[in-house]
Amino acid sequence: MTSTRPPSPTRVRKIPAHFGDIMSSQETSLVFPNGFSGLERIVLTANGNLQRIFSAFFNLPIAIEIMKNDLLPASARFEDEPILDDENPAAVLQRFDREVNLRCGQIVVCNAKSHILIRDPEVLDMIANGGVGIGQLFRYLDKLPKFVLHAVGRRNQTWWRKYSLRMTGVECRIRETFPSGMFEDGWLEKANTHVSLVFEPELEEDTVWEFE
């Protein structure tokens, strides 16, 4: 299947990854490009526990602010939706287009945009009728999803990652954006509530590192 999407104006560099998950017996080896601090690398490889990491670092509560949680027709298709390797994948029963902010007080420390596919009717019933939120789904099911880091990047005022979480019947593809300098001493006290997270357009000089 040939993609009709226009080529990205950014420079893309490939990084080999042998990224064993925490339930894997593989050796973990993931070498990041220069320009990411140790704390940033921890965040870029975090598997669903960013609230805990940020709360521990800032020593303050981290709240989730839901910006969007749209239910889409099952027939819709996301632009970044991957083609599955499964020979006979179950039909998509529901799609969700979700966006949340992680806030430390009034300061946004992360913006997360998620595309979520539900293929399991029991999981869909939990969401539709059981009061289980999308954000709590993996924790509620007590399942560890497969985590795959797809790409990372840095711009003048932000840095970001794209990754996916997958378990039987549920797939999430997520892009998270973080403000530059957030781990520097005194950043939280100096951060302006209106510019704590600036969304920057793609530029030709941007470099994206993709894992393969």
C-alpha atoms as a PDB file:
ATOM      1  CA  MET A   1       0.000   0.000   0.000  1.00  0.00           C
ATOM      2  CA  THR A   2       1.521   3.306  -1.095  1.00  0.00           C
ATOM      3  CA  SER A   3       1.199   6.269   1.230  1.00  0.00           C
ATOM      4  CA  THR A   4      -0.246   9.481  -0.216  1.00  0.00           C
ATOM      5  CA  ARG A   5       1.097  11.637   2.591  1.00  0.00           C
ATOM      6  CA  PRO A   6       3.562  14.349   1.509  1.00  0.00           C
ATOM      7  CA  PRO A   7       7.164  13.904   2.623  1.00  0.00           C
ATOM      8  CA  SER A   8       8.050  15.550   5.917  1.00  0.00           C
ATOM      9  CA  PRO A   9      10.216  18.673   5.668  1.00  0.00           C
ATOM     10  CA  THR A  10      12.246  17.511   8.656  1.00  0.00           C
ATOM     11  CA  ARG A  11      15.476  15.558   8.545  1.00  0.00           C
ATOM     12  CA  VAL A  12      14.887  11.987   9.716  1.00  0.00           C
ATOM     13  CA  ARG A  13      17.681   9.927  11.252  1.00  0.00           C
ATOM     14  CA  LYS A  14      17.354   6.256  12.125  1.00  0.00           C
ATOM     15  CA  ILE A  15      18.471   4.800  15.453  1.00  0.00           C
ATOM     16  CA  PRO A  16      18.768   1.024  16.005  1.00  0.00           C
ATOM     17  CA  ALA A  17      16.858  -0.009  19.116  1.00  0.00           C
ATOM     18  CA  HIS A  18      17.023  -3.176  21.167  1.00  0.00           C
ATOM     19  CA  PHE A  19      14.539  -1.903  23.688  1.00  0.00           C
ATOM     20  CA  GLY A  20      13.444  -4.731  25.946  1.00  0.00           C
ATOM     21  CA  ASP A  21      10.280  -3.977  27.902  1.00  0.00           C
ATOM     22  CA  ILE A  22      10.256  -4.466  31.666  1.00  0.00           C
ATOM     23  CA  MET A  23       8.663  -7.899  31.230  1.00  0.00           C
ATOM     24  CA  SER A  24      11.129  -8.962  28.531  1.00  0.00           C
ATOM     25  CA  SER A  25      14.164 -11.184  28.970  1.00  0.00           C
ATOM     26  CA  GLN A  26      15.993  -9.293  26.228  1.00  0.00           C
ATOM     27  CA  GLU A  27      18.942  -7.082  26.938  1.00  0.00           C
ATOM     28  CA  THR A  28      17.918  -3.436  26.819  1.00  0.00           C
ATOM     29  CA  SER A  29      20.094  -1.212  24.648  1.00  0.00           C
ATOM     30  CA  LEU A  30      18.849   2.168  23.509  1.00  0.00           C
ATOM     31  CA  VAL A  31      21.372   4.915  22.783  1.00  0.00           C
ATOM     32  CA  PHE A  32      19.903   8.387  22.356  1.00  0.00           C
ATOM     33  CA  PRO A  33      21.419  11.168  20.257  1.00  0.00           C
ATOM     34  CA  ASN A  34      23.348  13.926  21.989  1.00  0.00           C
ATOM     35  CA  GLY A  35      21.296  16.774  23.386  1.00  0.00           C
ATOM     36  CA  PHE A  36      18.993  14.911  25.781  1.00  0.00           C
ATOM     37  CA  SER A  37      19.760  15.004  29.495  1.00  0.00           C
ATOM     38  CA  GLY A  38      19.574  11.949  31.731  1.00  0.00           C
ATOM     39  CA  LEU A  39      16.191  12.975  33.147  1.00  0.00           C
ATOM     40  CA  GLU A  40      14.862  13.642  29.649  1.00  0.00           C
ATOM     41  CA  ARG A  41      15.957  10.178  28.538  1.00  0.00           C
ATOM     42  CA  ILE A  42      14.123   8.659  31.509  1.00  0.00           C
ATOM     43  CA  VAL A  43      10.946  10.480  30.451  1.00  0.00           C
ATOM     44  CA  LEU A  44      11.351   9.491  26.794  1.00  0.00           C
ATOM     45  CA  THR A  45      11.464   5.803  27.752  1.00  0.00           C
ATOM     46  CA  ALA A  46       8.797   5.899  30.501  1.00  0.00           C
ATOM     47  CA  ASN A  47       6.055   3.316  30.092  1.00  0.00           C
ATOM     48  CA  GLY A  48       2.890   4.992  31.355  1.00  0.00           C
ATOM     49  CA  ASN A  49       4.155   6.450  34.650  1.00  0.00           C
ATOM     50  CA  LEU A  50       4.898  10.082  33.770  1.00  0.00           C
ATOM     51  CA  GLN A  51       2.651  11.433  36.542  1.00  0.00           C
ATOM     52  CA  ARG A  52       4.720   9.589  39.135  1.00  0.00           C
ATOM     53  CA  ILE A  53       8.027  10.721  37.617  1.00  0.00           C
ATOM     54  CA  PHE A  54       6.990  14.380  37.441  1.00  0.00           C
ATOM     55  CA  SER A  55       5.426  14.333  40.910  1.00  0.00           C
ATOM     56  CA  ALA A  56       8.596  12.836  42.357  1.00  0.00           C
ATOM     57  CA  PHE A  57      10.822  15.379  40.607  1.00  0.00           C
ATOM     58  CA  PHE A  58       8.799  18.511  41.462  1.00  0.00           C
ATOM     59  CA  ASN A  59       7.667  17.076  44.837  1.00  0.00           C
ATOM     60  CA  LEU A  60       4.136  18.257  44.031  1.00  0.00           C
ATOM     61  CA  PRO A  61       0.891  16.683  42.809  1.00  0.00           C
ATOM     62  CA  ILE A  62       0.417  16.262  39.054  1.00  0.00           C
ATOM     63  CA  ALA A  63      -3.141  16.648  37.755  1.00  0.00           C
ATOM     64  CA  ILE A  64      -4.612  15.454  34.452  1.00  0.00           C
ATOM     65  CA  GLU A  65      -6.630  18.025  32.510  1.00  0.00           C
ATOM     66  CA  ILE A  66      -8.750  16.466  29.761  1.00  0.00           C
ATOM     67  CA  MET A  67      -8.762  18.766  26.736  1.00  0.00           C
ATOM     68  CA  LYS A  68     -10.512  16.447  24.289  1.00  0.00           C
ATOM     69  CA  ASN A  69     -11.993  12.953  24.439  1.00  0.00           C
ATOM     70  CA  ASP A  70     -13.888  12.508  21.180  1.00  0.00           C
ATOM     71  CA  LEU A  71     -15.626   9.292  20.262  1.00  0.00           C
ATOM     72  CA  LEU A  72     -15.230   8.643  16.526  1.00  0.00           C
ATOM     73  CA  PRO A  73     -17.065   6.285  14.181  1.00  0.00           C
ATOM     74  CA  ALA A  74     -15.561   2.819  13.920  1.00  0.00           C
ATOM     75  CA  SER A  75     -15.269   3.357  10.167  1.00  0.00           C
ATOM     76  CA  ALA A  76     -12.994   6.374  10.594  1.00  0.00           C
ATOM     77  CA  ARG A  77      -9.248   5.949  10.170  1.00  0.00           C
ATOM     78  CA  PHE A  78      -6.443   7.926  11.755  1.00  0.00           C
ATOM     79  CA  GLU A  79      -3.757   9.323   9.479  1.00  0.00           C
ATOM     80  CA  ASP A  80      -1.007   7.687  11.558  1.00  0.00           C
ATOM     81  CA  GLU A  81      -2.835   4.395  12.026  1.00  0.00           C
ATOM     82  CA  PRO A  82      -0.394   1.534  11.415  1.00  0.00           C
ATOM     83  CA  ILE A  83      -1.111  -1.557   9.361  1.00  0.00           C
ATOM     84  CA  LEU A  84      -1.074  -4.487  11.772  1.00  0.00           C
ATOM     85  CA  ASP A  85       1.079  -7.546  11.263  1.00  0.00           C
ATOM     86  CA  ASP A  86      -1.756  -9.839  12.380  1.00  0.00           C
ATOM     87  CA  GLU A  87      -3.170 -11.926   9.570  1.00  0.00           C
ATOM     88  CA  ASN A  88      -6.745 -11.568  10.803  1.00  0.00           C
ATOM     89  CA  PRO A  89      -6.970  -8.581  13.155  1.00  0.00           C
ATOM     90  CA  ALA A  90     -10.293  -8.068  14.874  1.00  0.00           C
ATOM     91  CA  ALA A  91     -12.464  -5.298  13.508  1.00  0.00           C
ATOM     92  CA  VAL A  92     -12.164  -1.891  15.132  1.00  0.00           C
ATOM     93  CA  LEU A  93     -15.260  -1.360  17.280  1.00  0.00           C
ATOM     94  CA  GLN A  94     -14.534   2.200  18.396  1.00  0.00           C
ATOM     95  CA  ARG A  95     -11.974   4.939  17.972  1.00  0.00           C
ATOM     96  CA  PHE A  96     -11.141   7.746  20.394  1.00  0.00           C
ATOM     97  CA  ASP A  97      -9.303  10.992  19.689  1.00  0.00           C
ATOM     98  CA  ARG A  98      -7.972  12.178  23.039  1.00  0.00           C
ATOM     99  CA  GLU A  99      -5.834  15.062  24.309  1.00  0.00           C
ATOM    100  CA  VAL A 100      -4.778  15.747  27.893  1.00  0.00           C
ATOM    101  CA  ASN A 101      -2.449  18.111  29.740  1.00  0.00           C
ATOM    102  CA  LEU A 102      -0.392  17.120  32.756  1.00  0.00           C
ATOM    103  CA  ARG A 103      -0.290  20.071  35.123  1.00  0.00           C
ATOM    104  CA  CYS A 104       1.889  20.873  38.089  1.00  0.00           C
ATOM    105  CA  GLY A 105      -0.224  23.567  39.701  1.00  0.00           C
ATOM    106  CA  GLN A 106      -1.028  25.961  36.843  1.00  0.00           C
ATOM    107  CA  ILE A 107       1.962  24.931  34.741  1.00  0.00           C
ATOM    108  CA  VAL A 108       1.560  22.462  31.869  1.00  0.00           C
ATOM    109  CA  VAL A 109       4.484  20.030  31.959  1.00  0.00           C
ATOM    110  CA  CYS A 110       3.213  17.669  29.245  1.00  0.00           C
ATOM    111  CA  ASN A 111       0.655  17.676  26.454  1.00  0.00           C
ATOM    112  CA  ALA A 112      -0.397  14.238  25.212  1.00  0.00           C
ATOM    113  CA  LYS A 113      -2.405  13.551  22.050  1.00  0.00           C
ATOM    114  CA  SER A 114      -3.668   9.980  21.683  1.00  0.00           C
ATOM    115  CA  HIS A 115      -5.332   7.945  18.951  1.00  0.00           C
ATOM    116  CA  ILE A 116      -6.994   4.913  20.530  1.00  0.00           C
ATOM    117  CA  LEU A 117      -8.483   1.852  18.831  1.00  0.00           C
ATOM    118  CA  ILE A 118     -10.734  -0.603  20.678  1.00  0.00           C
ATOM    119  CA  ARG A 119     -11.189  -4.087  19.176  1.00  0.00           C
ATOM    120  CA  ASP A 120     -12.413  -6.002  22.236  1.00  0.00           C
ATOM    121  CA  PRO A 121     -16.196  -5.838  22.958  1.00  0.00           C
ATOM    122  CA  GLU A 122     -15.663  -6.397  26.704  1.00  0.00           C
ATOM    123  CA  VAL A 123     -13.225  -3.485  26.867  1.00  0.00           C
ATOM    124  CA  LEU A 124     -15.622  -1.294  24.920  1.00  0.00           C
ATOM    125  CA  ASP A 125     -18.427  -2.190  27.358  1.00  0.00           C
ATOM    126  CA  MET A 126     -16.201  -1.166  30.288  1.00  0.00           C
ATOM    127  CA  ILE A 127     -15.699   2.235  28.677  1.00  0.00           C
ATOM    128  CA  ALA A 128     -19.254   2.777  27.443  1.00  0.00           C
ATOM    129  CA  ASN A 129     -21.194   1.327  30.370  1.00  0.00           C
ATOM    130  CA  GLY A 130     -18.774   0.544  33.175  1.00  0.00           C
ATOM    131  CA  GLY A 131     -17.452   4.020  33.851  1.00  0.00           C
ATOM    132  CA  VAL A 132     -13.827   3.119  33.082  1.00  0.00           C
ATOM    133  CA  GLY A 133     -11.958   6.062  31.576  1.00  0.00           C
ATOM    134  CA  ILE A 134      -9.595   5.657  28.642  1.00  0.00           C
ATOM    135  CA  GLY A 135      -6.737   7.012  30.722  1.00  0.00           C
ATOM    136  CA  GLN A 136      -7.256   4.358  33.421  1.00  0.00           C
ATOM    137  CA  LEU A 137      -7.889   1.438  31.077  1.00  0.00           C
ATOM    138  CA  PHE A 138      -4.569  -0.432  31.348  1.00  0.00           C
ATOM    139  CA  ARG A 139      -4.420   0.050  35.101  1.00  0.00           C
ATOM    140  CA  TYR A 140      -8.026  -1.119  35.514  1.00  0.00           C
ATOM    141  CA  LEU A 141      -7.367  -4.248  33.433  1.00  0.00           C
ATOM    142  CA  ASP A 142      -4.131  -4.848  35.376  1.00  0.00           C
ATOM    143  CA  LYS A 143      -2.344  -5.532  32.095  1.00  0.00           C
ATOM    144  CA  LEU A 144       1.098  -4.386  31.018  1.00  0.00           C
ATOM    145  CA  PRO A 145       0.850  -3.155  27.422  1.00  0.00           C
ATOM    146  CA  LYS A 146       3.628  -3.579  24.896  1.00  0.00           C
ATOM    147  CA  PHE A 147       5.526  -0.286  24.709  1.00  0.00           C
ATOM    148  CA  VAL A 148       7.247   0.786  21.477  1.00  0.00           C
ATOM    149  CA  LEU A 149       9.100   4.083  21.138  1.00  0.00           C
ATOM    150  CA  HIS A 150       8.821   5.261  17.520  1.00  0.00           C
ATOM    151  CA  ALA A 151      10.476   8.685  17.374  1.00  0.00           C
ATOM    152  CA  VAL A 152      11.872  11.567  19.434  1.00  0.00           C
ATOM    153  CA  GLY A 153      12.721  15.157  18.566  1.00  0.00           C
ATOM    154  CA  ARG A 154      13.732  18.530  19.931  1.00  0.00           C
ATOM    155  CA  ARG A 155      12.927  22.098  18.916  1.00  0.00           C
ATOM    156  CA  ASN A 156      13.809  25.480  20.375  1.00  0.00           C
ATOM    157  CA  GLN A 157      11.226  25.470  23.143  1.00  0.00           C
ATOM    158  CA  THR A 158       9.978  21.881  23.255  1.00  0.00           C
ATOM    159  CA  TRP A 159      11.010  18.237  23.011  1.00  0.00           C
ATOM    160  CA  TRP A 160       8.739  15.308  22.254  1.00  0.00           C
ATOM    161  CA  ARG A 161       8.263  11.624  21.687  1.00  0.00           C
ATOM    162  CA  LYS A 162       5.925   9.337  19.719  1.00  0.00           C
ATOM    163  CA  TYR A 163       5.191   5.866  21.039  1.00  0.00           C
ATOM    164  CA  SER A 164       2.536   3.173  21.073  1.00  0.00           C
ATOM    165  CA  LEU A 165       0.957   0.992  23.741  1.00  0.00           C
ATOM    166  CA  ARG A 166      -0.709  -2.226  22.694  1.00  0.00           C
ATOM    167  CA  MET A 167      -2.430  -5.196  24.278  1.00  0.00           C
ATOM    168  CA  THR A 168      -5.025  -7.612  22.979  1.00  0.00           C
ATOM    169  CA  GLY A 169      -8.023  -5.553  21.883  1.00  0.00           C
ATOM    170  CA  VAL A 170      -6.533  -2.111  22.604  1.00  0.00           C
ATOM    171  CA  GLU A 171      -4.036   0.026  20.672  1.00  0.00           C
ATOM    172  CA  CYS A 172      -2.883   3.553  21.520  1.00  0.00           C
ATOM    173  CA  ARG A 173      -0.577   5.776  19.486  1.00  0.00           C
ATOM    174  CA  ILE A 174       0.571   8.782  21.486  1.00  0.00           C
ATOM    175  CA  ARG A 175       2.559  11.975  20.921  1.00  0.00           C
ATOM    176  CA  GLU A 176       3.746  13.795  24.048  1.00  0.00           C
ATOM    177  CA  THR A 177       5.301  17.266  24.055  1.00  0.00           C
ATOM    178  CA  PHE A 178       7.341  18.728  26.925  1.00  0.00           C
ATOM    179  CA  PRO A 179       8.716  22.240  27.620  1.00  0.00           C
ATOM    180  CA  SER A 180      12.462  22.725  27.291  1.00  0.00           C
ATOM    181  CA  GLY A 181      14.369  23.365  30.489  1.00  0.00           C
ATOM    182  CA  MET A 182      11.714  21.847  32.742  1.00  0.00           C
ATOM    183  CA  PHE A 183      14.297  19.946  34.806  1.00  0.00           C
ATOM    184  CA  GLU A 184      16.519  22.976  35.429  1.00  0.00           C
ATOM    185  CA  ASP A 185      16.680  24.402  38.940  1.00  0.00           C
ATOM    186  CA  GLY A 186      13.965  26.988  39.516  1.00  0.00           C
ATOM    187  CA  TRP A 187      12.159  26.347  36.207  1.00  0.00           C
ATOM    188  CA  LEU A 188       8.764  25.732  37.808  1.00  0.00           C
ATOM    189  CA  GLU A 189       8.910  28.931  39.832  1.00  0.00           C
ATOM    190  CA  LYS A 190       9.872  30.992  36.766  1.00  0.00           C
ATOM    191  CA  ALA A 191       7.536  29.315  34.246  1.00  0.00           C
ATOM    192  CA  ASN A 192       4.768  31.504  32.866  1.00  0.00           C
ATOM    193  CA  THR A 193       1.361  29.814  32.943  1.00  0.00           C
ATOM    194  CA  HIS A 194       0.627  31.042  29.424  1.00  0.00           C
ATOM    195  CA  VAL A 195       3.861  29.940  27.778  1.00  0.00           C
ATOM    196  CA  SER A 196       4.846  26.865  29.798  1.00  0.00           C
ATOM    197  CA  LEU A 197       4.248  24.756  26.682  1.00  0.00           C
ATOM    198  CA  VAL A 198       4.635  26.363  23.270  1.00  0.00           C
ATOM    199  CA  PHE A 199       3.584  24.447  20.166  1.00  0.00           C
ATOM    200  CA  GLU A 200       6.064  25.036  17.389  1.00  0.00           C
ATOM    201  CA  PRO A 201       5.474  24.355  13.669  1.00  0.00           C
ATOM    202  CA  GLU A 202       7.684  21.889  11.836  1.00  0.00           C
ATOM    203  CA  LEU A 203      10.723  23.571  10.303  1.00  0.00           C
ATOM    204  CA  GLU A 204      13.110  22.403   7.611  1.00  0.00           C
ATOM    205  CA  GLU A 205      16.021  22.405  10.038  1.00  0.00           C
ATOM    206  CA  ASP A 206      14.191  20.130  12.504  1.00  0.00           C
ATOM    207  CA  THR A 207      15.707  16.697  13.058  1.00  0.00           C
ATOM    208  CA  VAL A 208      13.587  13.695  14.001  1.00  0.00           C
ATOM    209  CA  TRP A 209      15.174  10.492  15.298  1.00  0.00           C
ATOM    210  CA  GLU A 210      13.184   7.356  14.478  1.00  0.00           C
ATOM    211  CA  PHE A 211      13.805   3.981  16.131  1.00  0.00           C
ATOM    212  CA  GLU A 212      13.959   0.850  14.020  1.00  0.00           C
END
